[in-house]
Amino acid sequence: GLAFRVPTLDVSVVDLVVRTEKSATYQEIKDVVKKASVGEYKGIVEYTEDALVSTDFIGHT
């Protein structure tokens, strides 16, 4: 398990564990999450590879 102690009011953190039926690369998993973030899960999941801090997400709901 993991423990996080991050005193921030702006965002939350997710420890995402992915189990696949067949082998998948890290890039393939990122691509699926990115596609979902603009499709079926738009407004629920956001995806970025930018170097951001918690305050960059204020107003993203």
N, C-alpha and C. Protein backbone atom coordinates (compact mmCIF):
# COMPACT_ATOMS: atom_id res chain seq x y z
N GLY A 1 0.81 -1.18 0.00
CA GLY A 1 0.00 0.00 0.00
C GLY A 1 0.85 1.25 0.00
N LEU A 2 0.20 2.35 -0.18
CA LEU A 2 0.86 3.64 -0.20
C LEU A 2 0.20 4.58 0.79
N ALA A 3 0.97 5.51 1.28
CA ALA A 3 0.42 6.54 2.16
C ALA A 3 0.86 7.89 1.63
N PHE A 4 -0.07 8.81 1.55
CA PHE A 4 0.22 10.17 1.12
C PHE A 4 -0.25 11.13 2.19
N ARG A 5 0.57 12.08 2.50
CA ARG A 5 0.15 13.16 3.39
C ARG A 5 0.46 14.45 2.66
N VAL A 6 -0.52 14.96 1.98
CA VAL A 6 -0.33 16.15 1.17
C VAL A 6 -1.34 17.20 1.62
N PRO A 7 -0.88 18.20 2.33
CA PRO A 7 -1.81 19.23 2.83
C PRO A 7 -2.24 20.20 1.73
N THR A 8 -3.18 19.77 0.92
CA THR A 8 -3.68 20.64 -0.15
C THR A 8 -5.20 20.54 -0.22
N LEU A 9 -5.82 21.66 -0.44
CA LEU A 9 -7.28 21.69 -0.56
C LEU A 9 -7.73 21.64 -2.01
N ASP A 10 -6.78 21.78 -2.93
CA ASP A 10 -7.13 21.98 -4.33
C ASP A 10 -7.41 20.70 -5.11
N VAL A 11 -6.70 19.63 -4.81
CA VAL A 11 -6.79 18.41 -5.62
C VAL A 11 -6.73 17.17 -4.75
N SER A 12 -6.94 16.04 -5.37
CA SER A 12 -6.76 14.76 -4.69
C SER A 12 -5.78 13.93 -5.50
N VAL A 13 -5.44 12.79 -4.98
CA VAL A 13 -4.49 11.92 -5.66
C VAL A 13 -5.11 10.54 -5.81
N VAL A 14 -4.73 9.86 -6.88
CA VAL A 14 -5.21 8.50 -7.12
C VAL A 14 -4.01 7.61 -7.35
N ASP A 15 -3.97 6.49 -6.66
CA ASP A 15 -2.97 5.46 -6.92
C ASP A 15 -3.67 4.44 -7.81
N LEU A 16 -3.43 4.54 -9.10
CA LEU A 16 -4.13 3.72 -10.08
C LEU A 16 -3.34 2.46 -10.38
N VAL A 17 -3.95 1.32 -10.12
CA VAL A 17 -3.35 0.02 -10.45
C VAL A 17 -4.14 -0.55 -11.62
N VAL A 18 -3.45 -0.90 -12.67
CA VAL A 18 -4.11 -1.42 -13.88
C VAL A 18 -3.72 -2.87 -14.07
N ARG A 19 -4.73 -3.72 -14.17
CA ARG A 19 -4.51 -5.14 -14.48
C ARG A 19 -5.15 -5.41 -15.82
N THR A 20 -4.38 -5.95 -16.73
CA THR A 20 -4.87 -6.18 -18.08
C THR A 20 -4.94 -7.67 -18.37
N GLU A 21 -5.81 -8.03 -19.30
CA GLU A 21 -5.93 -9.43 -19.70
C GLU A 21 -4.75 -9.87 -20.55
N LYS A 22 -4.15 -8.94 -21.28
CA LYS A 22 -2.98 -9.25 -22.09
C LYS A 22 -1.90 -8.21 -21.79
N SER A 23 -0.70 -8.47 -22.21
CA SER A 23 0.40 -7.54 -21.96
C SER A 23 0.10 -6.18 -22.56
N ALA A 24 0.49 -5.13 -21.84
CA ALA A 24 0.31 -3.77 -22.32
C ALA A 24 1.50 -2.94 -21.85
N THR A 25 1.95 -2.07 -22.72
CA THR A 25 3.05 -1.18 -22.34
C THR A 25 2.50 0.00 -21.55
N TYR A 26 3.39 0.69 -20.88
CA TYR A 26 3.02 1.90 -20.16
C TYR A 26 2.40 2.91 -21.13
N GLN A 27 2.99 3.06 -22.30
CA GLN A 27 2.47 4.00 -23.30
C GLN A 27 1.06 3.62 -23.74
N GLU A 28 0.80 2.34 -23.94
CA GLU A 28 -0.54 1.90 -24.34
C GLU A 28 -1.57 2.22 -23.26
N ILE A 29 -1.20 2.04 -22.01
CA ILE A 29 -2.12 2.35 -20.91
C ILE A 29 -2.38 3.85 -20.85
N LYS A 30 -1.33 4.66 -20.99
CA LYS A 30 -1.51 6.12 -21.01
C LYS A 30 -2.42 6.54 -22.15
N ASP A 31 -2.25 5.91 -23.32
CA ASP A 31 -3.08 6.25 -24.48
C ASP A 31 -4.56 5.96 -24.23
N VAL A 32 -4.85 4.85 -23.57
CA VAL A 32 -6.24 4.49 -23.26
C VAL A 32 -6.84 5.50 -22.28
N VAL A 33 -6.09 5.87 -21.25
CA VAL A 33 -6.59 6.85 -20.28
C VAL A 33 -6.80 8.20 -20.95
N LYS A 34 -5.85 8.61 -21.79
CA LYS A 34 -5.97 9.88 -22.50
C LYS A 34 -7.20 9.89 -23.39
N LYS A 35 -7.42 8.82 -24.14
CA LYS A 35 -8.59 8.71 -25.02
C LYS A 35 -9.89 8.78 -24.21
N ALA A 36 -9.92 8.09 -23.07
CA ALA A 36 -11.11 8.10 -22.22
C ALA A 36 -11.38 9.50 -21.66
N SER A 37 -10.31 10.26 -21.41
CA SER A 37 -10.48 11.59 -20.82
C SER A 37 -11.12 12.60 -21.77
N VAL A 38 -11.10 12.32 -23.06
CA VAL A 38 -11.75 13.21 -24.03
C VAL A 38 -12.99 12.55 -24.64
N GLY A 39 -13.28 11.34 -24.21
CA GLY A 39 -14.43 10.61 -24.73
C GLY A 39 -15.41 10.30 -23.63
N GLU A 40 -15.57 9.02 -23.36
CA GLU A 40 -16.56 8.53 -22.40
C GLU A 40 -16.44 9.13 -21.01
N TYR A 41 -15.23 9.44 -20.57
CA TYR A 41 -15.02 9.95 -19.21
C TYR A 41 -14.67 11.43 -19.18
N LYS A 42 -14.98 12.16 -20.25
CA LYS A 42 -14.73 13.60 -20.29
C LYS A 42 -15.49 14.27 -19.15
N GLY A 43 -14.81 15.14 -18.43
CA GLY A 43 -15.42 15.81 -17.28
C GLY A 43 -15.28 15.02 -15.99
N ILE A 44 -14.84 13.78 -16.09
CA ILE A 44 -14.62 12.94 -14.91
C ILE A 44 -13.13 12.70 -14.72
N VAL A 45 -12.45 12.39 -15.82
CA VAL A 45 -11.01 12.10 -15.81
C VAL A 45 -10.31 13.16 -16.65
N GLU A 46 -9.24 13.73 -16.11
CA GLU A 46 -8.40 14.63 -16.88
C GLU A 46 -7.04 13.99 -17.06
N TYR A 47 -6.40 14.27 -18.18
CA TYR A 47 -5.09 13.69 -18.48
C TYR A 47 -4.15 14.78 -18.94
N THR A 48 -2.97 14.82 -18.36
CA THR A 48 -1.94 15.75 -18.82
C THR A 48 -0.58 15.17 -18.50
N GLU A 49 0.38 15.53 -19.30
CA GLU A 49 1.77 15.20 -19.01
C GLU A 49 2.56 16.47 -18.71
N ASP A 50 1.85 17.60 -18.60
CA ASP A 50 2.49 18.86 -18.27
C ASP A 50 2.96 18.86 -16.82
N ALA A 51 4.00 19.61 -16.54
CA ALA A 51 4.49 19.78 -15.17
C ALA A 51 3.61 20.82 -14.49
N LEU A 52 2.66 20.37 -13.68
CA LEU A 52 1.70 21.26 -13.04
C LEU A 52 1.78 21.14 -11.52
N VAL A 53 1.19 22.11 -10.84
CA VAL A 53 1.06 22.07 -9.38
C VAL A 53 -0.43 22.10 -9.05
N SER A 54 -0.77 21.83 -7.80
CA SER A 54 -2.18 21.69 -7.42
C SER A 54 -3.02 22.91 -7.77
N THR A 55 -2.47 24.11 -7.64
CA THR A 55 -3.27 25.30 -7.93
C THR A 55 -3.62 25.44 -9.40
N ASP A 56 -2.91 24.74 -10.27
CA ASP A 56 -3.25 24.76 -11.70
C ASP A 56 -4.60 24.09 -11.96
N PHE A 57 -5.11 23.33 -11.02
CA PHE A 57 -6.36 22.60 -11.21
C PHE A 57 -7.55 23.27 -10.55
N ILE A 58 -7.36 24.43 -9.95
CA ILE A 58 -8.48 25.14 -9.34
C ILE A 58 -9.49 25.48 -10.43
N GLY A 59 -10.74 25.15 -10.19
CA GLY A 59 -11.79 25.40 -11.17
C GLY A 59 -12.06 24.24 -12.10
N HIS A 60 -11.27 23.18 -12.01
CA HIS A 60 -11.50 21.98 -12.82
C HIS A 60 -12.38 21.03 -12.01
N THR A 61 -13.64 20.91 -12.40
CA THR A 61 -14.53 20.02 -11.66
C THR A 61 -15.16 19.02 -12.57
